[in-house]
Amino acid sequence: MDETRVIYRPQTSDLQFLEQNSSAMARAGIFLPHLDQRINLLNYIRIAEDVAANLSGLPLPEGQNAPARTLDWGCGYGQMTWLLKNRGLAVTSFDIGPDDTPLPDMPLCSELKVVRSTHPTNLPFADACFDAVMSCGVLEHVDECSGTPGNESKSLDEIARVLSPNGKFLIYQLPQKAAWQEAVVRRFKLGYAHPRRYSEAEIVAILAGAGFTVTRLKRANLVPKNLTGMPMALRKAYSKFTPLLLVLDRILCTIPVLNRIAGVFEIVAVKNKAG
């Protein structure tokens, strides 16, 4: 499979944005384990860089001169939308919930406009209206959040519908079935363990069934990006080694066999023309 290599150059403004928001939420008594450590924040920035690199050469429909139309599917707190817009992408934020649902306490994202729907799978968008859809830690939760098995397949059909032919579906933070971290968390009950995890063969087959061809599949998070369930002091100490840990993770995840127990998949899938 094609391997896109991205040289990560952290932008100070990005990191400041995320750290300021994390601090503001902490002062309000809101603690999110995926937003309160520098290693996590830099990982989101790395993902945004990867998305931008993957969309830089995306063929656009005839007559379209604007940046690739990108859907942040399951935008959550809005951090990925902000990071992608900061890279010049035309991003639409979408999440589940009533129209009047406020964006949760991300001060610098307070003006972010979010398109919402109360339907567990249907997307309120026209056919082929996006050039790319990004899922960052979302796909694996579809059945869990809806409580209805089979909604994963329906959601993928909807994503294929709103994508233009040859449009890209970019998937990040997708839990790998053989991840060593998930096994440890389950064994010692250290925090949240994903009920839905995937093998390489399984996710490739699932995407193929929805009309996608996987053009890149790589593994990440052999080195944990957070220590959910561990004491805060330990988590803060861990984050002090962030630059070394990120480099180490990138290197280790290129080692065959060893990377089979990494935490997540990072996937680029292209919608088939006839999809």
Protein backbone atom coordinates (compact mmCIF):
# COMPACT_ATOMS: atom_id res chain seq x y z
CA MET A 1 0.00 0.00 0.00
CA ASP A 2 1.08 3.56 -0.71
CA GLU A 3 2.87 5.11 2.25
CA THR A 4 2.67 8.89 2.66
CA ARG A 5 5.43 10.18 4.88
CA VAL A 6 4.80 13.43 6.71
CA ILE A 7 7.56 15.42 8.36
CA TYR A 8 6.01 16.79 11.53
CA ARG A 9 6.78 20.46 12.25
CA PRO A 10 4.77 21.57 15.29
CA GLN A 11 3.22 25.03 15.03
CA THR A 12 3.49 27.02 18.24
CA SER A 13 0.13 28.70 17.66
CA ASP A 14 -1.57 25.31 17.38
CA LEU A 15 -0.05 24.03 20.60
CA GLN A 16 -0.85 27.26 22.44
CA PHE A 17 -4.46 27.06 21.25
CA LEU A 18 -4.92 23.52 22.52
CA GLU A 19 -3.09 24.11 25.82
CA GLN A 20 -5.11 27.26 26.54
CA ASN A 21 -8.33 25.37 25.96
CA SER A 22 -7.20 22.46 28.09
CA SER A 23 -6.30 24.84 30.92
CA ALA A 24 -9.62 26.68 30.66
CA MET A 25 -11.54 23.41 30.87
CA ALA A 26 -9.46 22.28 33.86
CA ARG A 27 -10.28 25.53 35.68
CA ALA A 28 -13.95 24.80 35.02
CA GLY A 29 -13.53 21.35 36.53
CA ILE A 30 -13.64 19.55 33.17
CA PHE A 31 -10.84 17.06 32.68
CA LEU A 32 -10.52 15.22 29.39
CA PRO A 33 -7.72 12.64 29.32
CA HIS A 34 -7.20 13.08 25.56
CA LEU A 35 -6.76 16.87 25.84
CA ASP A 36 -4.82 17.43 29.05
CA GLN A 37 -1.37 16.11 28.07
CA ARG A 38 1.07 17.72 25.66
CA ILE A 39 1.76 14.38 23.97
CA ASN A 40 -1.94 14.10 23.07
CA LEU A 41 -2.13 17.65 21.81
CA LEU A 42 0.93 17.26 19.61
CA ASN A 43 -0.55 14.04 18.29
CA TYR A 44 -3.68 15.91 17.15
CA ILE A 45 -1.42 18.44 15.41
CA ARG A 46 0.45 15.59 13.73
CA ILE A 47 -2.85 14.15 12.50
CA ALA A 48 -3.90 17.55 11.11
CA GLU A 49 -0.59 17.74 9.23
CA ASP A 50 -1.23 14.28 7.82
CA VAL A 51 -4.75 15.19 6.69
CA ALA A 52 -3.49 18.35 4.98
CA ALA A 53 -0.72 16.41 3.23
CA ASN A 54 -3.17 13.75 2.01
CA LEU A 55 -5.55 16.38 0.61
CA SER A 56 -2.93 18.65 -0.96
CA GLY A 57 -2.98 16.78 -4.29
CA LEU A 58 -6.60 15.64 -4.23
CA PRO A 59 -8.23 15.99 -7.68
CA LEU A 60 -11.16 18.40 -7.37
CA PRO A 61 -14.30 18.57 -9.51
CA GLU A 62 -14.02 20.64 -12.67
CA GLY A 63 -14.41 24.33 -11.93
CA GLN A 64 -13.71 24.00 -8.19
CA ASN A 65 -10.83 26.25 -7.16
CA ALA A 66 -11.53 26.32 -3.43
CA PRO A 67 -9.75 24.02 -0.93
CA ALA A 68 -10.95 20.44 -0.61
CA ARG A 69 -14.40 20.35 1.00
CA THR A 70 -13.81 18.34 4.16
CA LEU A 71 -16.29 16.91 6.67
CA ASP A 72 -15.12 16.56 10.28
CA TRP A 73 -17.40 13.61 11.06
CA GLY A 74 -18.01 13.56 14.81
CA CYS A 75 -16.23 16.85 15.57
CA GLY A 76 -16.58 16.50 19.35
CA TYR A 77 -14.85 19.43 21.03
CA GLY A 78 -13.86 21.04 17.74
CA GLN A 79 -10.08 20.79 18.06
CA MET A 80 -9.58 18.97 14.76
CA THR A 81 -11.87 21.36 12.88
CA TRP A 82 -9.83 24.29 14.19
CA LEU A 83 -6.51 22.66 13.29
CA LEU A 84 -7.69 21.79 9.77
CA LYS A 85 -9.11 25.26 9.13
CA ASN A 86 -5.79 26.65 10.34
CA ARG A 87 -4.25 24.75 7.41
CA GLY A 88 -6.53 26.33 4.85
CA LEU A 89 -9.04 23.50 4.48
CA ALA A 90 -12.75 24.17 3.97
CA VAL A 91 -14.15 22.20 6.91
CA THR A 92 -17.73 21.44 7.88
CA SER A 93 -18.18 20.27 11.48
CA PHE A 94 -20.77 17.57 12.15
CA ASP A 95 -21.88 15.78 15.30
CA ILE A 96 -24.84 13.94 16.75
CA GLY A 97 -27.32 15.88 18.87
CA PRO A 98 -30.15 18.44 18.76
CA ASP A 99 -29.54 21.68 16.85
CA ASP A 100 -29.37 23.71 20.06
CA THR A 101 -26.65 21.55 21.63
CA PRO A 102 -23.82 23.90 22.69
CA LEU A 103 -20.24 23.04 21.80
CA PRO A 104 -18.70 21.67 25.03
CA ASP A 105 -16.52 24.23 26.81
CA MET A 106 -13.76 24.77 24.25
CA PRO A 107 -13.44 28.55 24.67
CA LEU A 108 -11.57 29.27 21.45
CA CYS A 109 -14.05 27.10 19.53
CA SER A 110 -17.10 28.76 21.06
CA GLU A 111 -18.09 30.36 17.74
CA LEU A 112 -17.66 27.16 15.74
CA LYS A 113 -20.79 26.35 13.77
CA VAL A 114 -21.70 22.66 14.04
CA VAL A 115 -24.20 20.88 11.83
CA ARG A 116 -26.10 18.40 13.97
CA SER A 117 -28.54 15.55 13.50
CA THR A 118 -30.44 13.39 15.95
CA HIS A 119 -30.45 10.46 13.49
CA PRO A 120 -27.81 7.86 14.46
CA THR A 121 -26.52 7.34 10.90
CA ASN A 122 -28.08 9.64 8.28
CA LEU A 123 -26.07 12.70 7.29
CA PRO A 124 -27.95 15.94 6.49
CA PHE A 125 -25.89 16.64 3.37
CA ALA A 126 -26.41 16.28 -0.38
CA ASP A 127 -24.85 13.51 -2.46
CA ALA A 128 -21.18 13.98 -3.43
CA CYS A 129 -20.87 17.32 -1.62
CA PHE A 130 -17.51 16.59 0.06
CA ASP A 131 -14.06 15.81 -1.32
CA ALA A 132 -12.93 14.24 1.96
CA VAL A 133 -14.38 12.93 5.22
CA MET A 134 -12.28 12.59 8.35
CA SER A 135 -13.03 10.24 11.23
CA CYS A 136 -10.76 10.81 14.23
CA GLY A 137 -11.71 8.36 16.97
CA VAL A 138 -15.33 8.12 15.75
CA LEU A 139 -16.01 5.07 13.56
CA GLU A 140 -15.42 2.56 16.35
CA HIS A 141 -18.08 4.23 18.53
CA VAL A 142 -20.99 4.24 16.05
CA ASP A 143 -22.67 1.04 17.23
CA GLU A 144 -21.75 1.73 20.86
CA CYS A 145 -23.31 5.21 20.93
CA SER A 146 -26.45 4.25 19.04
CA GLY A 147 -26.92 0.96 20.85
CA THR A 148 -27.89 -0.58 17.53
CA PRO A 149 -25.64 -3.19 15.86
CA GLY A 150 -25.31 -2.60 12.13
CA ASN A 151 -25.18 1.20 12.26
CA GLU A 152 -21.47 1.04 11.45
CA SER A 153 -22.34 -0.26 7.98
CA LYS A 154 -25.10 2.31 7.52
CA SER A 155 -22.75 5.13 8.55
CA LEU A 156 -20.14 4.02 6.03
CA ASP A 157 -22.78 3.94 3.31
CA GLU A 158 -23.71 7.51 4.20
CA ILE A 159 -20.07 8.63 4.13
CA ALA A 160 -19.70 7.07 0.69
CA ARG A 161 -22.87 8.86 -0.44
CA VAL A 162 -21.69 12.36 0.55
CA LEU A 163 -18.22 11.85 -0.93
CA SER A 164 -17.47 12.79 -4.52
CA PRO A 165 -16.06 10.04 -6.78
CA ASN A 166 -12.42 9.43 -5.83
CA GLY A 167 -13.04 11.34 -2.59
CA LYS A 168 -10.97 10.32 0.43
CA PHE A 169 -12.11 8.84 3.73
CA LEU A 170 -9.37 9.53 6.30
CA ILE A 171 -9.56 7.41 9.46
CA TYR A 172 -7.47 8.03 12.57
CA GLN A 173 -7.37 6.57 16.07
CA LEU A 174 -9.08 3.36 14.94
CA PRO A 175 -8.42 0.73 17.66
CA GLN A 176 -6.40 -2.26 16.53
CA LYS A 177 -7.67 -5.64 17.74
CA ALA A 178 -4.25 -6.89 18.90
CA ALA A 179 -3.20 -3.64 20.64
CA TRP A 180 -1.11 -4.37 23.73
CA GLN A 181 -2.44 -1.26 25.51
CA GLU A 182 -6.06 -2.38 25.19
CA ALA A 183 -5.11 -5.79 26.64
CA VAL A 184 -3.43 -4.16 29.64
CA VAL A 185 -6.33 -1.76 30.25
CA ARG A 186 -8.82 -4.63 30.15
CA ARG A 187 -6.72 -6.90 32.34
CA PHE A 188 -6.08 -4.35 35.09
CA LYS A 189 -9.23 -2.22 34.62
CA LEU A 190 -7.21 0.96 34.17
CA GLY A 191 -9.84 2.95 32.32
CA TYR A 192 -11.84 2.89 29.12
CA ALA A 193 -11.29 -0.05 26.75
CA HIS A 194 -12.85 0.06 23.28
CA PRO A 195 -15.55 -2.59 22.85
CA ARG A 196 -15.10 -2.34 19.07
CA ARG A 197 -11.64 -3.09 17.66
CA TYR A 198 -10.45 -4.16 14.22
CA SER A 199 -7.93 -6.39 12.49
CA GLU A 200 -6.33 -5.23 9.25
CA ALA A 201 -8.22 -7.79 7.17
CA GLU A 202 -11.50 -6.88 8.83
CA ILE A 203 -11.34 -3.11 8.30
CA VAL A 204 -10.15 -3.49 4.70
CA ALA A 205 -13.08 -5.83 4.00
CA ILE A 206 -15.58 -3.55 5.75
CA LEU A 207 -14.44 -0.54 3.74
CA ALA A 208 -14.47 -2.54 0.50
CA GLY A 209 -18.06 -3.51 1.22
CA ALA A 210 -18.96 0.18 1.49
CA GLY A 211 -17.32 1.01 -1.84
CA PHE A 212 -13.84 2.09 -0.72
CA THR A 213 -10.36 1.00 -1.70
CA VAL A 214 -7.71 1.31 1.02
CA THR A 215 -4.65 3.05 -0.42
CA ARG A 216 -2.74 3.47 2.83
CA LEU A 217 -2.87 1.59 6.09
CA LYS A 218 -0.33 2.17 8.81
CA ARG A 219 -0.15 1.69 12.54
CA ALA A 220 0.48 4.21 15.32
CA ASN A 221 0.49 4.49 19.10
CA LEU A 222 2.79 1.61 19.90
CA VAL A 223 3.98 4.10 22.50
CA PRO A 224 0.83 5.25 24.37
CA LYS A 225 -0.34 8.80 23.72
CA ASN A 226 -2.08 8.97 27.09
CA LEU A 227 -2.18 7.08 30.35
CA THR A 228 -5.91 7.07 30.97
CA GLY A 229 -6.73 5.65 34.37
CA MET A 230 -3.29 6.44 35.82
CA PRO A 231 -2.61 9.12 38.49
CA MET A 232 -2.33 12.68 37.16
CA ALA A 233 1.19 13.09 38.54
CA LEU A 234 2.37 10.08 36.55
CA ARG A 235 0.63 11.34 33.41
CA LYS A 236 2.25 14.77 33.71
CA ALA A 237 5.67 13.21 34.23
CA TYR A 238 5.12 11.03 31.17
CA SER A 239 4.31 14.07 29.05
CA LYS A 240 7.65 15.67 29.88
CA PHE A 241 9.25 13.15 27.52
CA THR A 242 6.86 14.02 24.68
CA PRO A 243 9.43 14.78 21.90
CA LEU A 244 11.33 11.56 22.57
CA LEU A 245 8.16 9.50 22.84
CA LEU A 246 6.78 10.79 19.53
CA VAL A 247 10.02 10.01 17.69
CA LEU A 248 10.23 6.59 19.35
CA ASP A 249 6.65 5.79 18.38
CA ARG A 250 7.23 6.73 14.76
CA ILE A 251 10.29 4.48 14.57
CA LEU A 252 8.82 1.49 16.40
CA CYS A 253 5.63 1.54 14.31
CA THR A 254 7.67 0.90 11.15
CA ILE A 255 9.02 -2.40 12.50
CA PRO A 256 7.14 -5.39 11.00
CA VAL A 257 5.55 -7.82 13.47
CA LEU A 258 6.16 -5.45 16.39
CA ASN A 259 3.76 -2.89 14.93
CA ARG A 260 1.04 -5.57 14.93
CA ILE A 261 0.44 -4.76 18.59
CA ALA A 262 0.34 -0.96 18.13
CA GLY A 263 -2.71 0.87 19.41
CA VAL A 264 -4.43 2.20 16.31
CA PHE A 265 -4.73 2.19 12.54
CA GLU A 266 -4.41 5.29 10.36
CA ILE A 267 -6.15 4.68 7.05
CA VAL A 268 -6.67 6.46 3.75
CA ALA A 269 -9.50 4.97 1.70
CA VAL A 270 -10.67 6.23 -1.70
CA LYS A 271 -14.27 6.06 -2.83
CA ASN A 272 -14.60 3.92 -5.94
CA LYS A 273 -15.91 5.79 -8.98
CA ALA A 274 -18.93 3.53 -9.21
CA GLY A 275 -19.56 3.80 -5.44
